[in-house]
């Protein structure tokens, strides 16, 4: 791999935009998804099965469909056009959040359905407050939550369709590594596309390794 062809100022800008978009959308989408997943597990209301089914359906929504919907919302004459997010990183993050949130919500909900009742029963026997119970649930499910966040990040950093539609693949503004690879493939520059693909994989590996290091299990402390 010829790094002199890859690590140019333009490419470094693309890498920076990719990380900024992926980390922002993963953080927002994961926070929303975790909260909604836990809330959905605990809530009891008519039509809950339909909501769960809808969430699971949205987990597999084609990104290009989400990109089209977000584009129509953010375009100048759209209902959210006043935000000025079309063809910006903010607009791309918005689209990614809509993709990521149902994925995290569905995964956390599935985990919580299996483990939350036992955790709540244990918390009651220990005389835990509602806040302590929620914190205990997060601690006991931290492994599952971690994997859902990693899945969300993988989706964010590898997405093409939605970010291409909403961001426009503008050099120096909204071009990310996946859209740059697509452009180079269309131009017949396969060597550069493959090289960027390898850099993208290395980048994902480094982020994953850092996450694994930070996620190392530590001795649990008594909370009660």
C-alpha atoms as a PDB file:
ATOM      1  CA  UNK A   1       0.000   0.000   0.000  1.00  0.00           C
ATOM      2  CA  UNK A   2       1.489   3.292  -1.107  1.00  0.00           C
ATOM      3  CA  UNK A   3       0.753   5.654   1.781  1.00  0.00           C
ATOM      4  CA  UNK A   4       2.052   8.615  -0.204  1.00  0.00           C
ATOM      5  CA  UNK A   5      -0.944   8.209  -2.496  1.00  0.00           C
ATOM      6  CA  UNK A   6      -3.369   7.961   0.412  1.00  0.00           C
ATOM      7  CA  UNK A   7      -2.266  10.297   3.207  1.00  0.00           C
ATOM      8  CA  UNK A   8      -2.621  13.510   1.249  1.00  0.00           C
ATOM      9  CA  UNK A   9      -4.232  16.586   2.848  1.00  0.00           C
ATOM     10  CA  UNK A  10      -7.446  15.837   0.935  1.00  0.00           C
ATOM     11  CA  UNK A  11      -7.529  12.241   2.144  1.00  0.00           C
ATOM     12  CA  UNK A  12      -6.791  13.248   5.726  1.00  0.00           C
ATOM     13  CA  UNK A  13      -9.732  15.637   5.484  1.00  0.00           C
ATOM     14  CA  UNK A  14     -11.926  12.782   4.245  1.00  0.00           C
ATOM     15  CA  UNK A  15     -10.802  10.599   7.160  1.00  0.00           C
ATOM     16  CA  UNK A  16     -11.549  13.427   9.602  1.00  0.00           C
ATOM     17  CA  UNK A  17     -15.020  13.934   8.163  1.00  0.00           C
ATOM     18  CA  UNK A  18     -15.661  10.188   8.317  1.00  0.00           C
ATOM     19  CA  UNK A  19     -14.692   9.971  11.985  1.00  0.00           C
ATOM     20  CA  UNK A  20     -16.634  13.105  12.912  1.00  0.00           C
ATOM     21  CA  UNK A  21     -19.786  11.827  11.251  1.00  0.00           C
ATOM     22  CA  UNK A  22     -19.492   8.237  12.520  1.00  0.00           C
ATOM     23  CA  UNK A  23     -18.671   9.138  16.132  1.00  0.00           C
ATOM     24  CA  UNK A  24     -21.361  11.831  16.378  1.00  0.00           C
ATOM     25  CA  UNK A  25     -24.099   9.674  14.867  1.00  0.00           C
ATOM     26  CA  UNK A  26     -23.077   6.639  16.936  1.00  0.00           C
ATOM     27  CA  UNK A  27     -23.101   8.649  20.165  1.00  0.00           C
ATOM     28  CA  UNK A  28     -26.503  10.244  19.535  1.00  0.00           C
ATOM     29  CA  UNK A  29     -28.126   7.167  17.992  1.00  0.00           C
ATOM     30  CA  UNK A  30     -26.822   4.844  20.714  1.00  0.00           C
ATOM     31  CA  UNK A  31     -27.986   7.121  23.528  1.00  0.00           C
ATOM     32  CA  UNK A  32     -31.468   7.353  22.007  1.00  0.00           C
ATOM     33  CA  UNK A  33     -31.589   3.657  21.180  1.00  0.00           C
ATOM     34  CA  UNK A  34     -30.524   2.510  24.654  1.00  0.00           C
ATOM     35  CA  UNK A  35     -33.046   4.792  26.357  1.00  0.00           C
ATOM     36  CA  UNK A  36     -35.882   3.789  24.017  1.00  0.00           C
ATOM     37  CA  UNK A  37     -35.031   0.083  24.232  1.00  0.00           C
ATOM     38  CA  UNK A  38     -35.123   0.067  28.034  1.00  0.00           C
ATOM     39  CA  UNK A  39     -38.265   2.205  28.079  1.00  0.00           C
ATOM     40  CA  UNK A  40     -40.004  -0.063  25.563  1.00  0.00           C
ATOM     41  CA  UNK A  41     -39.203  -3.151  27.639  1.00  0.00           C
ATOM     42  CA  UNK A  42     -40.616  -1.621  30.815  1.00  0.00           C
ATOM     43  CA  UNK A  43     -43.667   0.119  29.331  1.00  0.00           C
ATOM     44  CA  UNK A  44     -47.045  -1.572  29.202  1.00  0.00           C
ATOM     45  CA  UNK A  45     -49.558  -0.112  26.755  1.00  0.00           C
ATOM     46  CA  UNK A  46     -52.029  -1.244  24.080  1.00  0.00           C
ATOM     47  CA  UNK A  47     -50.348  -1.825  20.745  1.00  0.00           C
ATOM     48  CA  UNK A  48     -46.917  -2.526  22.228  1.00  0.00           C
ATOM     49  CA  UNK A  49     -46.469  -5.528  19.945  1.00  0.00           C
ATOM     50  CA  UNK A  50     -47.047  -3.321  16.926  1.00  0.00           C
ATOM     51  CA  UNK A  51     -44.454  -0.815  18.170  1.00  0.00           C
ATOM     52  CA  UNK A  52     -41.926  -3.608  18.729  1.00  0.00           C
ATOM     53  CA  UNK A  53     -42.640  -5.009  15.277  1.00  0.00           C
ATOM     54  CA  UNK A  54     -42.246  -1.538  13.769  1.00  0.00           C
ATOM     55  CA  UNK A  55     -38.901  -1.098  15.544  1.00  0.00           C
ATOM     56  CA  UNK A  56     -37.672  -4.423  14.204  1.00  0.00           C
ATOM     57  CA  UNK A  57     -38.841  -3.470  10.739  1.00  0.00           C
ATOM     58  CA  UNK A  58     -36.921  -0.193  10.916  1.00  0.00           C
ATOM     59  CA  UNK A  59     -33.780  -2.131  11.886  1.00  0.00           C
ATOM     60  CA  UNK A  60     -33.663  -3.403   8.313  1.00  0.00           C
ATOM     61  CA  UNK A  61     -34.753  -0.256   6.514  1.00  0.00           C
ATOM     62  CA  UNK A  62     -32.643   0.321   3.371  1.00  0.00           C
ATOM     63  CA  UNK A  63     -30.347   3.311   4.032  1.00  0.00           C
ATOM     64  CA  UNK A  64     -31.155   4.820   0.630  1.00  0.00           C
ATOM     65  CA  UNK A  65     -34.799   5.074   1.700  1.00  0.00           C
ATOM     66  CA  UNK A  66     -33.787   6.881   4.886  1.00  0.00           C
ATOM     67  CA  UNK A  67     -31.501   9.117   2.839  1.00  0.00           C
ATOM     68  CA  UNK A  68     -34.333  10.018   0.461  1.00  0.00           C
ATOM     69  CA  UNK A  69     -36.724  10.817   3.320  1.00  0.00           C
ATOM     70  CA  UNK A  70     -34.121  12.964   5.091  1.00  0.00           C
ATOM     71  CA  UNK A  71     -33.270  14.724   1.830  1.00  0.00           C
ATOM     72  CA  UNK A  72     -36.944  15.627   1.312  1.00  0.00           C
ATOM     73  CA  UNK A  73     -37.154  16.881   4.896  1.00  0.00           C
ATOM     74  CA  UNK A  74     -33.994  18.974   4.713  1.00  0.00           C
ATOM     75  CA  UNK A  75     -34.229  20.331   1.180  1.00  0.00           C
ATOM     76  CA  UNK A  76     -34.761  24.071   0.946  1.00  0.00           C
ATOM     77  CA  UNK A  77     -38.537  23.740   0.505  1.00  0.00           C
ATOM     78  CA  UNK A  78     -38.847  20.857   2.958  1.00  0.00           C
ATOM     79  CA  UNK A  79     -40.347  21.105   6.445  1.00  0.00           C
ATOM     80  CA  UNK A  80     -36.859  21.179   8.031  1.00  0.00           C
ATOM     81  CA  UNK A  81     -35.228  23.254   5.326  1.00  0.00           C
ATOM     82  CA  UNK A  82     -34.789  26.167   7.729  1.00  0.00           C
ATOM     83  CA  UNK A  83     -32.057  24.176   9.507  1.00  0.00           C
ATOM     84  CA  UNK A  84     -29.757  24.483   6.495  1.00  0.00           C
ATOM     85  CA  UNK A  85     -28.482  20.931   6.979  1.00  0.00           C
ATOM     86  CA  UNK A  86     -28.736  19.709   3.400  1.00  0.00           C
ATOM     87  CA  UNK A  87     -25.312  18.787   1.987  1.00  0.00           C
ATOM     88  CA  UNK A  88     -23.678  19.186   5.412  1.00  0.00           C
ATOM     89  CA  UNK A  89     -22.151  16.831   7.963  1.00  0.00           C
ATOM     90  CA  UNK A  90     -25.019  17.682  10.324  1.00  0.00           C
ATOM     91  CA  UNK A  91     -27.514  16.422   7.761  1.00  0.00           C
ATOM     92  CA  UNK A  92     -25.506  13.220   7.303  1.00  0.00           C
ATOM     93  CA  UNK A  93     -25.446  12.703  11.074  1.00  0.00           C
ATOM     94  CA  UNK A  94     -29.216  13.236  11.161  1.00  0.00           C
ATOM     95  CA  UNK A  95     -29.710  10.524   8.548  1.00  0.00           C
ATOM     96  CA  UNK A  96     -27.321   8.169  10.319  1.00  0.00           C
ATOM     97  CA  UNK A  97     -29.088   8.674  13.646  1.00  0.00           C
ATOM     98  CA  UNK A  98     -32.372   7.616  12.033  1.00  0.00           C
ATOM     99  CA  UNK A  99     -30.642   4.467  10.773  1.00  0.00           C
ATOM    100  CA  UNK A 100     -28.762   3.651  13.978  1.00  0.00           C
ATOM    101  CA  UNK A 101     -31.406   4.349  16.629  1.00  0.00           C
ATOM    102  CA  UNK A 102     -33.812   1.505  15.667  1.00  0.00           C
ATOM    103  CA  UNK A 103     -30.892  -0.941  15.478  1.00  0.00           C
ATOM    104  CA  UNK A 104     -29.690  -0.139  19.005  1.00  0.00           C
ATOM    105  CA  UNK A 105     -33.250   0.088  20.331  1.00  0.00           C
ATOM    106  CA  UNK A 106     -34.170  -3.334  18.947  1.00  0.00           C
ATOM    107  CA  UNK A 107     -31.003  -4.993  20.232  1.00  0.00           C
ATOM    108  CA  UNK A 108     -31.253  -3.451  23.715  1.00  0.00           C
ATOM    109  CA  UNK A 109     -34.955  -4.329  23.896  1.00  0.00           C
ATOM    110  CA  UNK A 110     -34.220  -7.971  23.060  1.00  0.00           C
ATOM    111  CA  UNK A 111     -31.501  -8.104  25.709  1.00  0.00           C
ATOM    112  CA  UNK A 112     -33.686  -6.382  28.303  1.00  0.00           C
ATOM    113  CA  UNK A 113     -36.657  -8.702  27.764  1.00  0.00           C
ATOM    114  CA  UNK A 114     -34.459 -11.643  28.729  1.00  0.00           C
ATOM    115  CA  UNK A 115     -32.618 -10.148  31.694  1.00  0.00           C
ATOM    116  CA  UNK A 116     -34.479  -7.114  33.084  1.00  0.00           C
ATOM    117  CA  UNK A 117     -37.132  -9.003  35.129  1.00  0.00           C
ATOM    118  CA  UNK A 118     -34.458 -10.903  37.085  1.00  0.00           C
ATOM    119  CA  UNK A 119     -32.430  -7.725  37.625  1.00  0.00           C
ATOM    120  CA  UNK A 120     -35.491  -5.859  38.914  1.00  0.00           C
ATOM    121  CA  UNK A 121     -36.384  -8.730  41.259  1.00  0.00           C
ATOM    122  CA  UNK A 122     -32.873  -8.704  42.672  1.00  0.00           C
ATOM    123  CA  UNK A 123     -32.959  -4.916  43.071  1.00  0.00           C
ATOM    124  CA  UNK A 124     -36.246  -5.117  44.980  1.00  0.00           C
ATOM    125  CA  UNK A 125     -34.837  -7.668  47.421  1.00  0.00           C
ATOM    126  CA  UNK A 126     -31.882  -5.339  48.008  1.00  0.00           C
ATOM    127  CA  UNK A 127     -34.152  -2.365  48.637  1.00  0.00           C
ATOM    128  CA  UNK A 128     -32.813  -0.415  45.673  1.00  0.00           C
ATOM    129  CA  UNK A 129     -34.349   2.882  44.594  1.00  0.00           C
ATOM    130  CA  UNK A 130     -35.664   3.308  41.027  1.00  0.00           C
ATOM    131  CA  UNK A 131     -32.477   5.153  40.052  1.00  0.00           C
ATOM    132  CA  UNK A 132     -30.271   2.451  41.561  1.00  0.00           C
ATOM    133  CA  UNK A 133     -32.311  -0.174  39.731  1.00  0.00           C
ATOM    134  CA  UNK A 134     -31.780   1.560  36.391  1.00  0.00           C
ATOM    135  CA  UNK A 135     -28.056   1.906  37.059  1.00  0.00           C
ATOM    136  CA  UNK A 136     -27.874  -1.758  38.014  1.00  0.00           C
ATOM    137  CA  UNK A 137     -29.598  -2.725  34.768  1.00  0.00           C
ATOM    138  CA  UNK A 138     -27.113  -0.703  32.759  1.00  0.00           C
ATOM    139  CA  UNK A 139     -24.207  -2.291  34.625  1.00  0.00           C
ATOM    140  CA  UNK A 140     -25.477  -5.838  34.252  1.00  0.00           C
ATOM    141  CA  UNK A 141     -26.270  -5.339  30.569  1.00  0.00           C
ATOM    142  CA  UNK A 142     -23.082  -3.426  29.788  1.00  0.00           C
ATOM    143  CA  UNK A 143     -21.697  -6.219  27.611  1.00  0.00           C
ATOM    144  CA  UNK A 144     -24.819  -6.401  25.451  1.00  0.00           C
ATOM    145  CA  UNK A 145     -25.055  -2.610  25.272  1.00  0.00           C
ATOM    146  CA  UNK A 146     -21.401  -2.445  24.259  1.00  0.00           C
ATOM    147  CA  UNK A 147     -21.964  -4.822  21.343  1.00  0.00           C
ATOM    148  CA  UNK A 148     -25.028  -2.877  20.200  1.00  0.00           C
ATOM    149  CA  UNK A 149     -22.962   0.333  20.173  1.00  0.00           C
ATOM    150  CA  UNK A 150     -20.187  -1.390  18.216  1.00  0.00           C
ATOM    151  CA  UNK A 151     -22.770  -2.623  15.705  1.00  0.00           C
ATOM    152  CA  UNK A 152     -24.070   0.937  15.405  1.00  0.00           C
ATOM    153  CA  UNK A 153     -20.578   2.302  14.791  1.00  0.00           C
ATOM    154  CA  UNK A 154     -19.928  -0.335  12.147  1.00  0.00           C
ATOM    155  CA  UNK A 155     -23.121   0.669  10.380  1.00  0.00           C
ATOM    156  CA  UNK A 156     -22.251   4.371  10.610  1.00  0.00           C
ATOM    157  CA  UNK A 157     -18.713   4.113   9.272  1.00  0.00           C
ATOM    158  CA  UNK A 158     -19.643   1.781   6.399  1.00  0.00           C
ATOM    159  CA  UNK A 159     -22.821   3.490   5.166  1.00  0.00           C
ATOM    160  CA  UNK A 160     -22.900   4.828   1.610  1.00  0.00           C
ATOM    161  CA  UNK A 161     -26.433   5.351   0.297  1.00  0.00           C
ATOM    162  CA  UNK A 162     -27.897   7.759   2.845  1.00  0.00           C
ATOM    163  CA  UNK A 163     -24.774   9.893   3.237  1.00  0.00           C
ATOM    164  CA  UNK A 164     -24.381  10.101  -0.546  1.00  0.00           C
ATOM    165  CA  UNK A 165     -27.936  11.416  -0.973  1.00  0.00           C
ATOM    166  CA  UNK A 166     -27.980  13.785   2.007  1.00  0.00           C
ATOM    167  CA  UNK A 167     -24.331  14.871   1.920  1.00  0.00           C
ATOM    168  CA  UNK A 168     -23.855  15.100  -1.833  1.00  0.00           C
ATOM    169  CA  UNK A 169     -20.259  13.769  -1.663  1.00  0.00           C
ATOM    170  CA  UNK A 170     -18.827  17.297  -1.795  1.00  0.00           C
ATOM    171  CA  UNK A 171     -15.048  17.397  -1.649  1.00  0.00           C
ATOM    172  CA  UNK A 172     -13.776  19.203   1.417  1.00  0.00           C
ATOM    173  CA  UNK A 173     -17.211  19.237   3.049  1.00  0.00           C
ATOM    174  CA  UNK A 174     -19.197  16.002   3.031  1.00  0.00           C
ATOM    175  CA  UNK A 175     -17.009  13.452   1.283  1.00  0.00           C
ATOM    176  CA  UNK A 176     -16.349  10.442   3.512  1.00  0.00           C
ATOM    177  CA  UNK A 177     -14.286   7.345   2.848  1.00  0.00           C
ATOM    178  CA  UNK A 178     -17.142   5.170   1.599  1.00  0.00           C
ATOM    179  CA  UNK A 179     -18.384   7.774  -0.870  1.00  0.00           C
ATOM    180  CA  UNK A 180     -14.792   8.497  -1.953  1.00  0.00           C
ATOM    181  CA  UNK A 181     -14.289   4.785  -2.661  1.00  0.00           C
ATOM    182  CA  UNK A 182     -17.505   4.707  -4.684  1.00  0.00           C
ATOM    183  CA  UNK A 183     -16.403   7.748  -6.695  1.00  0.00           C
ATOM    184  CA  UNK A 184     -12.978   6.268  -7.419  1.00  0.00           C
ATOM    185  CA  UNK A 185     -14.540   3.006  -8.522  1.00  0.00           C
ATOM    186  CA  UNK A 186     -16.774   4.930 -10.935  1.00  0.00           C
ATOM    187  CA  UNK A 187     -13.696   6.727 -12.255  1.00  0.00           C
ATOM    188  CA  UNK A 188     -11.893   3.416 -12.773  1.00  0.00           C
ATOM    189  CA  UNK A 189      -9.246   4.233 -10.151  1.00  0.00           C
ATOM    190  CA  UNK A 190      -9.403   0.766  -8.598  1.00  0.00           C
ATOM    191  CA  UNK A 191      -5.969   0.847  -6.973  1.00  0.00           C
ATOM    192  CA  UNK A 192      -6.780   4.011  -5.040  1.00  0.00           C
ATOM    193  CA  UNK A 193     -10.231   2.664  -4.141  1.00  0.00           C
ATOM    194  CA  UNK A 194      -8.745  -0.569  -2.787  1.00  0.00           C
ATOM    195  CA  UNK A 195      -6.088   1.345  -0.860  1.00  0.00           C
ATOM    196  CA  UNK A 196      -8.702   3.592   0.736  1.00  0.00           C
ATOM    197  CA  UNK A 197     -10.728   0.500   1.562  1.00  0.00           C
ATOM    198  CA  UNK A 198      -7.740  -0.959   3.406  1.00  0.00           C
ATOM    199  CA  UNK A 199      -7.283   2.318   5.291  1.00  0.00           C
ATOM    200  CA  UNK A 200     -10.984   2.237   6.219  1.00  0.00           C
ATOM    201  CA  UNK A 201     -10.622  -1.298   7.571  1.00  0.00           C
ATOM    202  CA  UNK A 202      -7.529  -0.308   9.561  1.00  0.00           C
ATOM    203  CA  UNK A 203      -9.364   2.693  10.961  1.00  0.00           C
ATOM    204  CA  UNK A 204     -12.315   0.531  12.017  1.00  0.00           C
ATOM    205  CA  UNK A 205      -9.894  -1.966  13.585  1.00  0.00           C
ATOM    206  CA  UNK A 206      -8.153   0.751  15.605  1.00  0.00           C
ATOM    207  CA  UNK A 207     -11.464   2.142  16.890  1.00  0.00           C
ATOM    208  CA  UNK A 208     -12.599  -1.384  17.761  1.00  0.00           C
ATOM    209  CA  UNK A 209      -9.329  -2.117  19.587  1.00  0.00           C
ATOM    210  CA  UNK A 210      -9.622   1.108  21.579  1.00  0.00           C
ATOM    211  CA  UNK A 211     -13.223   0.269  22.485  1.00  0.00           C
ATOM    212  CA  UNK A 212     -12.192  -3.229  23.603  1.00  0.00           C
ATOM    213  CA  UNK A 213      -9.430  -1.768  25.757  1.00  0.00           C
ATOM    214  CA  UNK A 214     -11.801   0.718  27.419  1.00  0.00           C
ATOM    215  CA  UNK A 215     -14.416  -2.012  27.892  1.00  0.00           C
ATOM    216  CA  UNK A 216     -12.157  -4.370  29.839  1.00  0.00           C
ATOM    217  CA  UNK A 217     -14.161  -5.787  32.714  1.00  0.00           C
ATOM    218  CA  UNK A 218     -13.194  -4.412  36.083  1.00  0.00           C
ATOM    219  CA  UNK A 219     -14.176  -5.784  39.473  1.00  0.00           C
ATOM    220  CA  UNK A 220     -17.764  -4.834  40.143  1.00  0.00           C
ATOM    221  CA  UNK A 221     -18.335  -2.665  43.189  1.00  0.00           C
ATOM    222  CA  UNK A 222     -21.242  -3.129  45.536  1.00  0.00           C
ATOM    223  CA  UNK A 223     -23.886  -0.477  44.980  1.00  0.00           C
ATOM    224  CA  UNK A 224     -26.152  -1.323  47.851  1.00  0.00           C
END
